[in-house]
Amino acid sequence: MINKTENNIGIELLRLIAISLLIIYHTTLIGSAGNYPSYLNAILTITKMGWLGTDIFLAISGFFCVSSILKVKKENKTYLSYLKSRALRLVPAYYFWC
């Protein structure tokens, strides 16, 4: 049986926008204004606002963390089981990348 997840398309789209802002911001840090034609300098100036993607992404992550904890409380599970499931999800990926 397939588990149906409750994803909010608006929040997922906002997360995609935040990640895109961060990627664009970090790729434009290589160049500096003044070395390019005026239209490219205008684009570089606009993309320097990409740091806002960090704030948006952290706010969305906080929302998901709190909603996950509230879901555990609603299902009458213990916080220890919540922490155990988080560890089982994160620790293997951590050791894989280390």
PDB file of N, CA and C in Angstrom:
ATOM      1  N   MET A   1       0.829  -1.167   0.000  1.00  0.00           N
ATOM      2  CA  MET A   1       0.000   0.000   0.000  1.00  0.00           C
ATOM      3  C   MET A   1       0.881   1.240   0.000  1.00  0.00           C
ATOM      4  N   ILE A   2       0.531   2.224  -0.780  1.00  0.00           N
ATOM      5  CA  ILE A   2       1.305   3.457  -0.895  1.00  0.00           C
ATOM      6  C   ILE A   2       0.851   4.440   0.175  1.00  0.00           C
ATOM      7  N   ASN A   3       1.824   4.983   0.913  1.00  0.00           N
ATOM      8  CA  ASN A   3       1.504   6.001   1.909  1.00  0.00           C
ATOM      9  C   ASN A   3       1.330   7.341   1.225  1.00  0.00           C
ATOM     10  N   LYS A   4       0.221   7.987   1.503  1.00  0.00           N
ATOM     11  CA  LYS A   4      -0.036   9.288   0.920  1.00  0.00           C
ATOM     12  C   LYS A   4       0.495  10.361   1.868  1.00  0.00           C
ATOM     13  N   THR A   5       1.395  11.195   1.366  1.00  0.00           N
ATOM     14  CA  THR A   5       1.937  12.268   2.188  1.00  0.00           C
ATOM     15  C   THR A   5       1.139  13.535   1.959  1.00  0.00           C
ATOM     16  N   GLU A   6       1.132  14.356   2.966  1.00  0.00           N
ATOM     17  CA  GLU A   6       0.398  15.614   2.875  1.00  0.00           C
ATOM     18  C   GLU A   6       1.383  16.731   2.555  1.00  0.00           C
ATOM     19  N   ASN A   7       1.657  16.939   1.285  1.00  0.00           N
ATOM     20  CA  ASN A   7       2.565  17.995   0.860  1.00  0.00           C
ATOM     21  C   ASN A   7       1.764  19.212   0.438  1.00  0.00           C
ATOM     22  N   ASN A   8       2.237  20.358   0.871  1.00  0.00           N
ATOM     23  CA  ASN A   8       1.639  21.613   0.456  1.00  0.00           C
ATOM     24  C   ASN A   8       2.432  22.117  -0.737  1.00  0.00           C
ATOM     25  N   ILE A   9       1.795  22.187  -1.895  1.00  0.00           N
ATOM     26  CA  ILE A   9       2.472  22.566  -3.128  1.00  0.00           C
ATOM     27  C   ILE A   9       3.040  23.979  -3.024  1.00  0.00           C
ATOM     28  N   GLY A  10       2.342  24.878  -2.348  1.00  0.00           N
ATOM     29  CA  GLY A  10       2.822  26.251  -2.199  1.00  0.00           C
ATOM     30  C   GLY A  10       4.118  26.322  -1.419  1.00  0.00           C
ATOM     31  N   ILE A  11       4.208  25.559  -0.337  1.00  0.00           N
ATOM     32  CA  ILE A  11       5.430  25.567   0.470  1.00  0.00           C
ATOM     33  C   ILE A  11       6.570  24.906  -0.296  1.00  0.00           C
ATOM     34  N   GLU A  12       6.268  23.841  -1.021  1.00  0.00           N
ATOM     35  CA  GLU A  12       7.303  23.187  -1.822  1.00  0.00           C
ATOM     36  C   GLU A  12       7.815  24.127  -2.916  1.00  0.00           C
ATOM     37  N   LEU A  13       6.921  24.905  -3.516  1.00  0.00           N
ATOM     38  CA  LEU A  13       7.332  25.872  -4.536  1.00  0.00           C
ATOM     39  C   LEU A  13       8.188  26.966  -3.913  1.00  0.00           C
ATOM     40  N   LEU A  14       7.801  27.425  -2.738  1.00  0.00           N
ATOM     41  CA  LEU A  14       8.589  28.448  -2.046  1.00  0.00           C
ATOM     42  C   LEU A  14       9.976  27.910  -1.690  1.00  0.00           C
ATOM     43  N   ARG A  15      10.049  26.653  -1.308  1.00  0.00           N
ATOM     44  CA  ARG A  15      11.353  26.044  -1.014  1.00  0.00           C
ATOM     45  C   ARG A  15      12.206  25.978  -2.278  1.00  0.00           C
ATOM     46  N   LEU A  16      11.603  25.627  -3.406  1.00  0.00           N
ATOM     47  CA  LEU A  16      12.317  25.589  -4.680  1.00  0.00           C
ATOM     48  C   LEU A  16      12.851  26.967  -5.052  1.00  0.00           C
ATOM     49  N   ILE A  17      12.037  27.997  -4.850  1.00  0.00           N
ATOM     50  CA  ILE A  17      12.467  29.364  -5.137  1.00  0.00           C
ATOM     51  C   ILE A  17      13.632  29.756  -4.234  1.00  0.00           C
ATOM     52  N   ALA A  18      13.543  29.402  -2.944  1.00  0.00           N
ATOM     53  CA  ALA A  18      14.613  29.739  -2.009  1.00  0.00           C
ATOM     54  C   ALA A  18      15.920  29.058  -2.396  1.00  0.00           C
ATOM     55  N   ILE A  19      15.853  27.796  -2.764  1.00  0.00           N
ATOM     56  CA  ILE A  19      17.056  27.074  -3.174  1.00  0.00           C
ATOM     57  C   ILE A  19      17.621  27.669  -4.459  1.00  0.00           C
ATOM     58  N   SER A  20      16.750  28.041  -5.387  1.00  0.00           N
ATOM     59  CA  SER A  20      17.206  28.666  -6.632  1.00  0.00           C
ATOM     60  C   SER A  20      17.887  29.997  -6.357  1.00  0.00           C
ATOM     61  N   LEU A  21      17.320  30.793  -5.443  1.00  0.00           N
ATOM     62  CA  LEU A  21      17.947  32.064  -5.075  1.00  0.00           C
ATOM     63  C   LEU A  21      19.344  31.846  -4.509  1.00  0.00           C
ATOM     64  N   LEU A  22      19.484  30.832  -3.677  1.00  0.00           N
ATOM     65  CA  LEU A  22      20.793  30.544  -3.086  1.00  0.00           C
ATOM     66  C   LEU A  22      21.800  30.096  -4.134  1.00  0.00           C
ATOM     67  N   ILE A  23      21.380  29.246  -5.036  1.00  0.00           N
ATOM     68  CA  ILE A  23      22.298  28.772  -6.079  1.00  0.00           C
ATOM     69  C   ILE A  23      22.729  29.927  -6.979  1.00  0.00           C
ATOM     70  N   ILE A  24      21.779  30.752  -7.390  1.00  0.00           N
ATOM     71  CA  ILE A  24      22.108  31.898  -8.244  1.00  0.00           C
ATOM     72  C   ILE A  24      23.029  32.867  -7.502  1.00  0.00           C
ATOM     73  N   TYR A  25      22.731  33.099  -6.234  1.00  0.00           N
ATOM     74  CA  TYR A  25      23.557  34.010  -5.433  1.00  0.00           C
ATOM     75  C   TYR A  25      24.997  33.512  -5.347  1.00  0.00           C
ATOM     76  N   HIS A  26      25.168  32.227  -5.066  1.00  0.00           N
ATOM     77  CA  HIS A  26      26.525  31.710  -4.906  1.00  0.00           C
ATOM     78  C   HIS A  26      27.281  31.618  -6.230  1.00  0.00           C
ATOM     79  N   THR A  27      26.585  31.422  -7.324  1.00  0.00           N
ATOM     80  CA  THR A  27      27.286  31.390  -8.608  1.00  0.00           C
ATOM     81  C   THR A  27      27.668  32.783  -9.076  1.00  0.00           C
ATOM     82  N   THR A  28      26.951  33.813  -8.654  1.00  0.00           N
ATOM     83  CA  THR A  28      27.297  35.177  -9.069  1.00  0.00           C
ATOM     84  C   THR A  28      28.308  35.818  -8.138  1.00  0.00           C
ATOM     85  N   LEU A  29      28.686  35.167  -7.055  1.00  0.00           N
ATOM     86  CA  LEU A  29      29.709  35.722  -6.177  1.00  0.00           C
ATOM     87  C   LEU A  29      31.080  35.705  -6.839  1.00  0.00           C
ATOM     88  N   ILE A  30      31.227  34.890  -7.878  1.00  0.00           N
ATOM     89  CA  ILE A  30      32.512  34.770  -8.559  1.00  0.00           C
ATOM     90  C   ILE A  30      32.875  36.079  -9.258  1.00  0.00           C
ATOM     91  N   GLY A  31      31.924  36.654  -9.935  1.00  0.00           N
ATOM     92  CA  GLY A  31      32.187  37.885 -10.673  1.00  0.00           C
ATOM     93  C   GLY A  31      31.985  39.121  -9.813  1.00  0.00           C
ATOM     94  N   SER A  32      32.597  40.208 -10.226  1.00  0.00           N
ATOM     95  CA  SER A  32      32.391  41.472  -9.523  1.00  0.00           C
ATOM     96  C   SER A  32      31.838  42.492 -10.507  1.00  0.00           C
ATOM     97  N   ALA A  33      31.078  43.430  -9.988  1.00  0.00           N
ATOM     98  CA  ALA A  33      30.472  44.449 -10.847  1.00  0.00           C
ATOM     99  C   ALA A  33      31.569  45.297 -11.473  1.00  0.00           C
ATOM    100  N   GLY A  34      31.333  45.738 -12.666  1.00  0.00           N
ATOM    101  CA  GLY A  34      32.280  46.591 -13.354  1.00  0.00           C
ATOM    102  C   GLY A  34      33.037  45.870 -14.450  1.00  0.00           C
ATOM    103  N   ASN A  35      33.140  44.573 -14.405  1.00  0.00           N
ATOM    104  CA  ASN A  35      33.874  43.816 -15.414  1.00  0.00           C
ATOM    105  C   ASN A  35      32.999  43.379 -16.577  1.00  0.00           C
ATOM    106  N   TYR A  36      31.711  43.659 -16.503  1.00  0.00           N
ATOM    107  CA  TYR A  36      30.761  43.164 -17.488  1.00  0.00           C
ATOM    108  C   TYR A  36      29.995  44.331 -18.107  1.00  0.00           C
ATOM    109  N   PRO A  37      29.290  44.066 -19.212  1.00  0.00           N
ATOM    110  CA  PRO A  37      28.424  45.101 -19.786  1.00  0.00           C
ATOM    111  C   PRO A  37      27.344  45.531 -18.796  1.00  0.00           C
ATOM    112  N   SER A  38      26.723  46.677 -19.046  1.00  0.00           N
ATOM    113  CA  SER A  38      25.783  47.260 -18.079  1.00  0.00           C
ATOM    114  C   SER A  38      24.588  46.357 -17.791  1.00  0.00           C
ATOM    115  N   TYR A  39      24.086  45.639 -18.798  1.00  0.00           N
ATOM    116  CA  TYR A  39      22.935  44.766 -18.545  1.00  0.00           C
ATOM    117  C   TYR A  39      23.311  43.605 -17.640  1.00  0.00           C
ATOM    118  N   LEU A  40      24.525  43.077 -17.769  1.00  0.00           N
ATOM    119  CA  LEU A  40      24.954  42.006 -16.878  1.00  0.00           C
ATOM    120  C   LEU A  40      25.217  42.527 -15.464  1.00  0.00           C
ATOM    121  N   ASN A  41      25.715  43.758 -15.348  1.00  0.00           N
ATOM    122  CA  ASN A  41      25.897  44.351 -14.028  1.00  0.00           C
ATOM    123  C   ASN A  41      24.556  44.526 -13.316  1.00  0.00           C
ATOM    124  N   ALA A  42      23.513  44.861 -14.082  1.00  0.00           N
ATOM    125  CA  ALA A  42      22.176  44.989 -13.486  1.00  0.00           C
ATOM    126  C   ALA A  42      21.688  43.639 -12.976  1.00  0.00           C
ATOM    127  N   ILE A  43      21.920  42.585 -13.753  1.00  0.00           N
ATOM    128  CA  ILE A  43      21.519  41.243 -13.322  1.00  0.00           C
ATOM    129  C   ILE A  43      22.308  40.829 -12.084  1.00  0.00           C
ATOM    130  N   LEU A  44      23.610  41.105 -12.055  1.00  0.00           N
ATOM    131  CA  LEU A  44      24.427  40.775 -10.887  1.00  0.00           C
ATOM    132  C   LEU A  44      23.956  41.522  -9.646  1.00  0.00           C
ATOM    133  N   THR A  45      23.550  42.777  -9.821  1.00  0.00           N
ATOM    134  CA  THR A  45      23.062  43.557  -8.685  1.00  0.00           C
ATOM    135  C   THR A  45      21.780  42.956  -8.126  1.00  0.00           C
ATOM    136  N   ILE A  46      20.899  42.504  -9.002  1.00  0.00           N
ATOM    137  CA  ILE A  46      19.644  41.893  -8.558  1.00  0.00           C
ATOM    138  C   ILE A  46      19.913  40.559  -7.864  1.00  0.00           C
ATOM    139  N   THR A  47      20.818  39.764  -8.414  1.00  0.00           N
ATOM    140  CA  THR A  47      21.067  38.442  -7.828  1.00  0.00           C
ATOM    141  C   THR A  47      21.808  38.524  -6.500  1.00  0.00           C
ATOM    142  N   LYS A  48      22.382  39.658  -6.166  1.00  0.00           N
ATOM    143  CA  LYS A  48      23.036  39.809  -4.862  1.00  0.00           C
ATOM    144  C   LYS A  48      22.009  39.761  -3.726  1.00  0.00           C
ATOM    145  N   MET A  49      20.741  39.848  -4.055  1.00  0.00           N
ATOM    146  CA  MET A  49      19.679  39.728  -3.040  1.00  0.00           C
ATOM    147  C   MET A  49      19.347  38.262  -2.755  1.00  0.00           C
ATOM    148  N   GLY A  50      20.084  37.343  -3.328  1.00  0.00           N
ATOM    149  CA  GLY A  50      19.837  35.919  -3.148  1.00  0.00           C
ATOM    150  C   GLY A  50      20.029  35.426  -1.732  1.00  0.00           C
ATOM    151  N   TRP A  51      20.695  36.213  -0.879  1.00  0.00           N
ATOM    152  CA  TRP A  51      20.867  35.814   0.514  1.00  0.00           C
ATOM    153  C   TRP A  51      19.523  35.670   1.214  1.00  0.00           C
ATOM    154  N   LEU A  52      18.479  36.273   0.683  1.00  0.00           N
ATOM    155  CA  LEU A  52      17.140  36.114   1.255  1.00  0.00           C
ATOM    156  C   LEU A  52      16.676  34.654   1.175  1.00  0.00           C
ATOM    157  N   GLY A  53      17.210  33.914   0.228  1.00  0.00           N
ATOM    158  CA  GLY A  53      16.868  32.507   0.097  1.00  0.00           C
ATOM    159  C   GLY A  53      17.218  31.719   1.351  1.00  0.00           C
ATOM    160  N   THR A  54      18.296  32.114   2.034  1.00  0.00           N
ATOM    161  CA  THR A  54      18.680  31.448   3.278  1.00  0.00           C
ATOM    162  C   THR A  54      17.612  31.631   4.338  1.00  0.00           C
ATOM    163  N   ASP A  55      17.147  32.858   4.500  1.00  0.00           N
ATOM    164  CA  ASP A  55      16.111  33.134   5.502  1.00  0.00           C
ATOM    165  C   ASP A  55      14.828  32.383   5.200  1.00  0.00           C
ATOM    166  N   ILE A  56      14.435  32.385   3.942  1.00  0.00           N
ATOM    167  CA  ILE A  56      13.212  31.678   3.547  1.00  0.00           C
ATOM    168  C   ILE A  56      13.364  30.186   3.788  1.00  0.00           C
ATOM    169  N   PHE A  57      14.514  29.629   3.390  1.00  0.00           N
ATOM    170  CA  PHE A  57      14.738  28.192   3.537  1.00  0.00           C
ATOM    171  C   PHE A  57      14.757  27.782   5.008  1.00  0.00           C
ATOM    172  N   LEU A  58      15.379  28.574   5.867  1.00  0.00           N
ATOM    173  CA  LEU A  58      15.412  28.249   7.293  1.00  0.00           C
ATOM    174  C   LEU A  58      14.025  28.348   7.931  1.00  0.00           C
ATOM    175  N   ALA A  59      13.232  29.311   7.503  1.00  0.00           N
ATOM    176  CA  ALA A  59      11.872  29.428   8.028  1.00  0.00           C
ATOM    177  C   ALA A  59      11.023  28.222   7.622  1.00  0.00           C
ATOM    178  N   ILE A  60      11.164  27.792   6.384  1.00  0.00           N
ATOM    179  CA  ILE A  60      10.414  26.623   5.920  1.00  0.00           C
ATOM    180  C   ILE A  60      10.879  25.369   6.656  1.00  0.00           C
ATOM    181  N   SER A  61      12.185  25.228   6.864  1.00  0.00           N
ATOM    182  CA  SER A  61      12.701  24.066   7.593  1.00  0.00           C
ATOM    183  C   SER A  61      12.177  24.048   9.021  1.00  0.00           C
ATOM    184  N   GLY A  62      12.131  25.209   9.654  1.00  0.00           N
ATOM    185  CA  GLY A  62      11.563  25.296  11.002  1.00  0.00           C
ATOM    186  C   GLY A  62      10.101  24.905  11.022  1.00  0.00           C
ATOM    187  N   PHE A  63       9.363  25.312  10.000  1.00  0.00           N
ATOM    188  CA  PHE A  63       7.955  24.950   9.903  1.00  0.00           C
ATOM    189  C   PHE A  63       7.789  23.436   9.829  1.00  0.00           C
ATOM    190  N   PHE A  64       8.621  22.785   8.997  1.00  0.00           N
ATOM    191  CA  PHE A  64       8.528  21.334   8.861  1.00  0.00           C
ATOM    192  C   PHE A  64       8.947  20.614  10.143  1.00  0.00           C
ATOM    193  N   CYS A  65       9.951  21.135  10.840  1.00  0.00           N
ATOM    194  CA  CYS A  65      10.378  20.511  12.106  1.00  0.00           C
ATOM    195  C   CYS A  65       9.263  20.587  13.145  1.00  0.00           C
ATOM    196  N   VAL A  66       8.653  21.752  13.286  1.00  0.00           N
ATOM    197  CA  VAL A  66       7.588  21.915  14.272  1.00  0.00           C
ATOM    198  C   VAL A  66       6.373  21.072  13.900  1.00  0.00           C
ATOM    199  N   SER A  67       6.016  21.046  12.619  1.00  0.00           N
ATOM    200  CA  SER A  67       4.857  20.248  12.220  1.00  0.00           C
ATOM    201  C   SER A  67       5.120  18.759  12.430  1.00  0.00           C
ATOM    202  N   SER A  68       6.368  18.331  12.256  1.00  0.00           N
ATOM    203  CA  SER A  68       6.717  16.935  12.497  1.00  0.00           C
ATOM    204  C   SER A  68       6.614  16.589  13.980  1.00  0.00           C
ATOM    205  N   ILE A  69       7.048  17.493  14.851  1.00  0.00           N
ATOM    206  CA  ILE A  69       6.953  17.262  16.291  1.00  0.00           C
ATOM    207  C   ILE A  69       5.492  17.263  16.739  1.00  0.00           C
ATOM    208  N   LEU A  70       4.695  18.172  16.195  1.00  0.00           N
ATOM    209  CA  LEU A  70       3.271  18.205  16.549  1.00  0.00           C
ATOM    210  C   LEU A  70       2.555  16.946  16.072  1.00  0.00           C
ATOM    211  N   LYS A  71       2.986  16.409  14.947  1.00  0.00           N
ATOM    212  CA  LYS A  71       2.400  15.166  14.437  1.00  0.00           C
ATOM    213  C   LYS A  71       2.691  14.006  15.385  1.00  0.00           C
ATOM    214  N   VAL A  72       3.896  13.968  15.946  1.00  0.00           N
ATOM    215  CA  VAL A  72       4.266  12.931  16.918  1.00  0.00           C
ATOM    216  C   VAL A  72       3.401  13.054  18.166  1.00  0.00           C
ATOM    217  N   LYS A  73       3.202  14.289  18.612  1.00  0.00           N
ATOM    218  CA  LYS A  73       2.380  14.522  19.805  1.00  0.00           C
ATOM    219  C   LYS A  73       0.931  14.112  19.551  1.00  0.00           C
ATOM    220  N   LYS A  74       0.437  14.385  18.348  1.00  0.00           N
ATOM    221  CA  LYS A  74      -0.937  14.053  17.995  1.00  0.00           C
ATOM    222  C   LYS A  74      -1.157  12.542  17.943  1.00  0.00           C
ATOM    223  N   GLU A  75      -0.141  11.798  17.512  1.00  0.00           N
ATOM    224  CA  GLU A  75      -0.247  10.345  17.394  1.00  0.00           C
ATOM    225  C   GLU A  75       0.067   9.629  18.707  1.00  0.00           C
ATOM    226  N   ASN A  76       0.283  10.384  19.775  1.00  0.00           N
ATOM    227  CA  ASN A  76       0.591   9.853  21.106  1.00  0.00           C
ATOM    228  C   ASN A  76       1.826   8.960  21.112  1.00  0.00           C
ATOM    229  N   LYS A  77       2.819   9.319  20.331  1.00  0.00           N
ATOM    230  CA  LYS A  77       4.094   8.625  20.352  1.00  0.00           C
ATOM    231  C   LYS A  77       5.029   9.367  21.299  1.00  0.00           C
ATOM    232  N   THR A  78       6.080   8.700  21.714  1.00  0.00           N
ATOM    233  CA  THR A  78       7.032   9.348  22.611  1.00  0.00           C
ATOM    234  C   THR A  78       8.044  10.152  21.792  1.00  0.00           C
ATOM    235  N   TYR A  79       8.629  11.146  22.449  1.00  0.00           N
ATOM    236  CA  TYR A  79       9.645  11.939  21.783  1.00  0.00           C
ATOM    237  C   TYR A  79      10.914  11.124  21.551  1.00  0.00           C
ATOM    238  N   LEU A  80      11.119  10.116  22.379  1.00  0.00           N
ATOM    239  CA  LEU A  80      12.269   9.238  22.180  1.00  0.00           C
ATOM    240  C   LEU A  80      12.142   8.479  20.863  1.00  0.00           C
ATOM    241  N   SER A  81      10.940   8.015  20.540  1.00  0.00           N
ATOM    242  CA  SER A  81      10.747   7.332  19.257  1.00  0.00           C
ATOM    243  C   SER A  81      10.926   8.311  18.096  1.00  0.00           C
ATOM    244  N   TYR A  82      10.542   9.583  18.306  1.00  0.00           N
ATOM    245  CA  TYR A  82      10.750  10.608  17.278  1.00  0.00           C
ATOM    246  C   TYR A  82      12.244  10.817  17.048  1.00  0.00           C
ATOM    247  N   LEU A  83      13.000  10.956  18.131  1.00  0.00           N
ATOM    248  CA  LEU A  83      14.437  11.168  18.005  1.00  0.00           C
ATOM    249  C   LEU A  83      15.130   9.951  17.389  1.00  0.00           C
ATOM    250  N   LYS A  84      14.651   8.765  17.734  1.00  0.00           N
ATOM    251  CA  LYS A  84      15.229   7.549  17.176  1.00  0.00           C
ATOM    252  C   LYS A  84      14.997   7.484  15.664  1.00  0.00           C
ATOM    253  N   SER A  85      13.795   7.840  15.236  1.00  0.00           N
ATOM    254  CA  SER A  85      13.508   7.809  13.797  1.00  0.00           C
ATOM    255  C   SER A  85      14.318   8.865  13.053  1.00  0.00           C
ATOM    256  N   ARG A  86      14.520  10.040  13.672  1.00  0.00           N
ATOM    257  CA  ARG A  86      15.350  11.081  13.056  1.00  0.00           C
ATOM    258  C   ARG A  86      16.792  10.602  12.919  1.00  0.00           C
ATOM    259  N   ALA A  87      17.299   9.962  13.980  1.00  0.00           N
ATOM    260  CA  ALA A  87      18.683   9.476  13.947  1.00  0.00           C
ATOM    261  C   ALA A  87      18.852   8.393  12.889  1.00  0.00           C
ATOM    262  N   LEU A  88      17.885   7.491  12.794  1.00  0.00           N
ATOM    263  CA  LEU A  88      17.966   6.439  11.787  1.00  0.00           C
ATOM    264  C   LEU A  88      17.905   7.000  10.368  1.00  0.00           C
ATOM    265  N   ARG A  89      17.321   8.171  10.239  1.00  0.00           N
ATOM    266  CA  ARG A  89      17.234   8.781   8.921  1.00  0.00           C
ATOM    267  C   ARG A  89      18.491   9.597   8.587  1.00  0.00           C
ATOM    268  N   LEU A  90      19.060  10.286   9.577  1.00  0.00           N
ATOM    269  CA  LEU A  90      20.145  11.213   9.297  1.00  0.00           C
ATOM    270  C   LEU A  90      21.548  10.618   9.431  1.00  0.00           C
ATOM    271  N   VAL A  91      21.745   9.758  10.402  1.00  0.00           N
ATOM    272  CA  VAL A  91      23.090   9.258  10.692  1.00  0.00           C
ATOM    273  C   VAL A  91      23.688   8.468   9.513  1.00  0.00           C
ATOM    274  N   PRO A  92      22.941   7.573   8.855  1.00  0.00           N
ATOM    275  CA  PRO A  92      23.547   6.869   7.712  1.00  0.00           C
ATOM    276  C   PRO A  92      23.991   7.812   6.596  1.00  0.00           C
ATOM    277  N   ALA A  93      23.210   8.828   6.320  1.00  0.00           N
ATOM    278  CA  ALA A  93      23.603   9.785   5.277  1.00  0.00           C
ATOM    279  C   ALA A  93      24.844  10.575   5.705  1.00  0.00           C
ATOM    280  N   TYR A  94      24.916  10.902   6.994  1.00  0.00           N
ATOM    281  CA  TYR A  94      26.082  11.613   7.505  1.00  0.00           C
ATOM    282  C   TYR A  94      27.350  10.784   7.322  1.00  0.00           C
ATOM    283  N   TYR A  95      27.297   9.510   7.718  1.00  0.00           N
ATOM    284  CA  TYR A  95      28.470   8.658   7.584  1.00  0.00           C
ATOM    285  C   TYR A  95      28.802   8.347   6.132  1.00  0.00           C
ATOM    286  N   PHE A  96      27.782   8.312   5.290  1.00  0.00           N
ATOM    287  CA  PHE A  96      28.026   8.101   3.862  1.00  0.00           C
ATOM    288  C   PHE A  96      28.854   9.237   3.284  1.00  0.00           C
ATOM    289  N   TRP A  97      28.507  10.480   3.638  1.00  0.00           N
ATOM    290  CA  TRP A  97      29.213  11.628   3.086  1.00  0.00           C
ATOM    291  C   TRP A  97      30.547  11.891   3.774  1.00  0.00           C
ATOM    292  N   CYS A  98      30.703  11.379   4.996  1.00  0.00           N
ATOM    293  CA  CYS A  98      32.016  11.554   5.657  1.00  0.00           C
ATOM    294  C   CYS A  98      32.994  10.561   5.073  1.00  0.00           C
TER     295      CYS A  98
END
